[in-house]
């Protein structure tokens, strides 16, 4: 067990900020993907479902790109299986979503 240095208060605000900053930095790829997904949900909520679906597919492709280029320690929650499986499955699903969203008949909605 480590002993904190003298004068160290266990709930110092700087410690919380540092811990939060480390957490955000280590999960930044997932946060970026989540923000793109939020944008997709907003578009769908505004009756722009085709554009929202396309943006959702782009979010999945972004996750695949992060999983491909980032080391295991930095990829965070995007690592599920092995790198090859994750990249392959995310790329296939993201591509399928984008293709379907861009080629489906708008059914008179323009």
C-alpha atoms as a PDB file:
ATOM      1  CA  UNK A   1       0.000   0.000   0.000  1.00  0.00           C
ATOM      2  CA  UNK A   2       1.359   3.413  -0.924  1.00  0.00           C
ATOM      3  CA  UNK A   3       1.307   6.233   1.544  1.00  0.00           C
ATOM      4  CA  UNK A   4       0.207   9.604   0.168  1.00  0.00           C
ATOM      5  CA  UNK A   5       2.716  12.456   0.469  1.00  0.00           C
ATOM      6  CA  UNK A   6       2.394  14.830   3.446  1.00  0.00           C
ATOM      7  CA  UNK A   7      -0.259  17.474   2.926  1.00  0.00           C
ATOM      8  CA  UNK A   8      -2.058  15.359   0.352  1.00  0.00           C
ATOM      9  CA  UNK A   9      -5.808  15.516   0.739  1.00  0.00           C
ATOM     10  CA  UNK A  10      -7.535  12.442  -0.752  1.00  0.00           C
ATOM     11  CA  UNK A  11     -10.296  14.457  -2.406  1.00  0.00           C
ATOM     12  CA  UNK A  12      -8.310  17.376  -3.726  1.00  0.00           C
ATOM     13  CA  UNK A  13     -10.124  18.952  -6.746  1.00  0.00           C
ATOM     14  CA  UNK A  14      -6.934  18.767  -8.826  1.00  0.00           C
ATOM     15  CA  UNK A  15      -6.830  14.993  -8.328  1.00  0.00           C
ATOM     16  CA  UNK A  16     -10.413  14.687  -9.578  1.00  0.00           C
ATOM     17  CA  UNK A  17      -9.618  16.850 -12.596  1.00  0.00           C
ATOM     18  CA  UNK A  18      -6.545  14.785 -13.368  1.00  0.00           C
ATOM     19  CA  UNK A  19      -8.482  11.535 -13.016  1.00  0.00           C
ATOM     20  CA  UNK A  20     -11.268  12.864 -15.250  1.00  0.00           C
ATOM     21  CA  UNK A  21      -8.774  14.098 -17.834  1.00  0.00           C
ATOM     22  CA  UNK A  22      -7.046  10.696 -17.886  1.00  0.00           C
ATOM     23  CA  UNK A  23     -10.398   8.948 -18.269  1.00  0.00           C
ATOM     24  CA  UNK A  24     -11.497  11.191 -21.139  1.00  0.00           C
ATOM     25  CA  UNK A  25      -8.123  10.912 -22.858  1.00  0.00           C
ATOM     26  CA  UNK A  26      -8.118   7.135 -22.612  1.00  0.00           C
ATOM     27  CA  UNK A  27     -11.661   6.907 -23.992  1.00  0.00           C
ATOM     28  CA  UNK A  28     -11.431   9.736 -26.523  1.00  0.00           C
ATOM     29  CA  UNK A  29     -11.946   7.469 -29.558  1.00  0.00           C
ATOM     30  CA  UNK A  30     -15.196   6.140 -28.081  1.00  0.00           C
ATOM     31  CA  UNK A  31     -16.286   9.673 -27.159  1.00  0.00           C
ATOM     32  CA  UNK A  32     -15.683  10.808 -30.758  1.00  0.00           C
ATOM     33  CA  UNK A  33     -17.714   7.890 -32.123  1.00  0.00           C
ATOM     34  CA  UNK A  34     -20.484   8.578 -29.594  1.00  0.00           C
ATOM     35  CA  UNK A  35     -20.648  12.238 -30.652  1.00  0.00           C
ATOM     36  CA  UNK A  36     -21.099  11.228 -34.299  1.00  0.00           C
ATOM     37  CA  UNK A  37     -23.854   8.814 -33.214  1.00  0.00           C
ATOM     38  CA  UNK A  38     -25.566  11.657 -31.311  1.00  0.00           C
ATOM     39  CA  UNK A  39     -25.445  13.736 -34.506  1.00  0.00           C
ATOM     40  CA  UNK A  40     -27.056  10.815 -36.371  1.00  0.00           C
ATOM     41  CA  UNK A  41     -29.821  10.549 -33.774  1.00  0.00           C
ATOM     42  CA  UNK A  42     -30.478  14.294 -34.030  1.00  0.00           C
ATOM     43  CA  UNK A  43     -30.805  13.989 -37.814  1.00  0.00           C
ATOM     44  CA  UNK A  44     -33.199  11.051 -37.498  1.00  0.00           C
ATOM     45  CA  UNK A  45     -35.189  13.025 -34.922  1.00  0.00           C
ATOM     46  CA  UNK A  46     -35.532  15.832 -37.478  1.00  0.00           C
ATOM     47  CA  UNK A  47     -37.013  13.389 -40.033  1.00  0.00           C
ATOM     48  CA  UNK A  48     -33.741  13.219 -41.940  1.00  0.00           C
ATOM     49  CA  UNK A  49     -33.604   9.447 -41.507  1.00  0.00           C
ATOM     50  CA  UNK A  50     -31.563   8.684 -44.625  1.00  0.00           C
ATOM     51  CA  UNK A  51     -28.929  11.259 -43.750  1.00  0.00           C
ATOM     52  CA  UNK A  52     -28.999  10.131 -40.106  1.00  0.00           C
ATOM     53  CA  UNK A  53     -28.515   6.509 -41.126  1.00  0.00           C
ATOM     54  CA  UNK A  54     -25.595   7.523 -43.344  1.00  0.00           C
ATOM     55  CA  UNK A  55     -23.995   9.435 -40.474  1.00  0.00           C
ATOM     56  CA  UNK A  56     -24.506   6.423 -38.212  1.00  0.00           C
ATOM     57  CA  UNK A  57     -22.710   4.261 -40.782  1.00  0.00           C
ATOM     58  CA  UNK A  58     -19.881   6.794 -40.867  1.00  0.00           C
ATOM     59  CA  UNK A  59     -19.658   6.535 -37.057  1.00  0.00           C
ATOM     60  CA  UNK A  60     -19.197   2.775 -37.368  1.00  0.00           C
ATOM     61  CA  UNK A  61     -16.524   3.290 -40.043  1.00  0.00           C
ATOM     62  CA  UNK A  62     -14.815   5.828 -37.764  1.00  0.00           C
ATOM     63  CA  UNK A  63     -14.772   3.198 -35.018  1.00  0.00           C
ATOM     64  CA  UNK A  64     -13.170   0.766 -37.485  1.00  0.00           C
ATOM     65  CA  UNK A  65     -10.499   3.328 -38.387  1.00  0.00           C
ATOM     66  CA  UNK A  66      -9.714   4.015 -34.722  1.00  0.00           C
ATOM     67  CA  UNK A  67      -9.504   0.290 -34.034  1.00  0.00           C
ATOM     68  CA  UNK A  68      -7.140  -0.146 -36.983  1.00  0.00           C
ATOM     69  CA  UNK A  69      -4.659   2.634 -36.211  1.00  0.00           C
ATOM     70  CA  UNK A  70      -4.672   2.991 -32.424  1.00  0.00           C
ATOM     71  CA  UNK A  71      -2.701   0.750 -30.086  1.00  0.00           C
ATOM     72  CA  UNK A  72      -4.592  -1.602 -27.788  1.00  0.00           C
ATOM     73  CA  UNK A  73      -4.030   0.643 -24.753  1.00  0.00           C
ATOM     74  CA  UNK A  74      -5.596   3.688 -26.475  1.00  0.00           C
ATOM     75  CA  UNK A  75      -8.580   2.132 -28.210  1.00  0.00           C
ATOM     76  CA  UNK A  76     -10.590   1.674 -25.002  1.00  0.00           C
ATOM     77  CA  UNK A  77     -14.093   0.302 -25.382  1.00  0.00           C
ATOM     78  CA  UNK A  78     -13.750  -0.146 -29.141  1.00  0.00           C
ATOM     79  CA  UNK A  79     -11.704  -3.306 -28.586  1.00  0.00           C
ATOM     80  CA  UNK A  80     -14.061  -6.273 -28.377  1.00  0.00           C
ATOM     81  CA  UNK A  81     -12.245  -9.163 -30.041  1.00  0.00           C
ATOM     82  CA  UNK A  82      -8.992  -9.290 -31.939  1.00  0.00           C
ATOM     83  CA  UNK A  83      -7.989  -6.308 -34.062  1.00  0.00           C
ATOM     84  CA  UNK A  84      -8.651  -8.114 -37.357  1.00  0.00           C
ATOM     85  CA  UNK A  85     -12.121  -9.247 -36.348  1.00  0.00           C
ATOM     86  CA  UNK A  86     -13.073  -5.842 -34.934  1.00  0.00           C
ATOM     87  CA  UNK A  87     -11.856  -3.922 -37.990  1.00  0.00           C
ATOM     88  CA  UNK A  88     -13.409  -6.390 -40.426  1.00  0.00           C
ATOM     89  CA  UNK A  89     -16.797  -6.521 -38.748  1.00  0.00           C
ATOM     90  CA  UNK A  90     -17.006  -2.770 -38.130  1.00  0.00           C
ATOM     91  CA  UNK A  91     -15.992  -2.038 -41.730  1.00  0.00           C
ATOM     92  CA  UNK A  92     -18.534  -4.500 -43.132  1.00  0.00           C
ATOM     93  CA  UNK A  93     -21.393  -3.218 -40.971  1.00  0.00           C
ATOM     94  CA  UNK A  94     -20.518   0.463 -41.478  1.00  0.00           C
ATOM     95  CA  UNK A  95     -20.239   0.023 -45.242  1.00  0.00           C
ATOM     96  CA  UNK A  96     -23.532  -1.875 -45.385  1.00  0.00           C
ATOM     97  CA  UNK A  97     -25.318   0.865 -43.443  1.00  0.00           C
ATOM     98  CA  UNK A  98     -23.929   3.638 -45.660  1.00  0.00           C
ATOM     99  CA  UNK A  99     -24.732   1.744 -48.873  1.00  0.00           C
ATOM    100  CA  UNK A 100     -28.265   0.910 -47.745  1.00  0.00           C
ATOM    101  CA  UNK A 101     -28.931   4.448 -46.507  1.00  0.00           C
ATOM    102  CA  UNK A 102     -27.738   6.043 -49.741  1.00  0.00           C
ATOM    103  CA  UNK A 103     -29.380   3.618 -52.164  1.00  0.00           C
ATOM    104  CA  UNK A 104     -32.773   2.983 -50.570  1.00  0.00           C
ATOM    105  CA  UNK A 105     -35.776   4.563 -52.260  1.00  0.00           C
ATOM    106  CA  UNK A 106     -36.852   7.662 -50.298  1.00  0.00           C
ATOM    107  CA  UNK A 107     -40.534   6.647 -50.765  1.00  0.00           C
ATOM    108  CA  UNK A 108     -41.602  10.071 -51.905  1.00  0.00           C
ATOM    109  CA  UNK A 109     -39.900  11.885 -49.019  1.00  0.00           C
ATOM    110  CA  UNK A 110     -37.248  13.424 -51.257  1.00  0.00           C
END
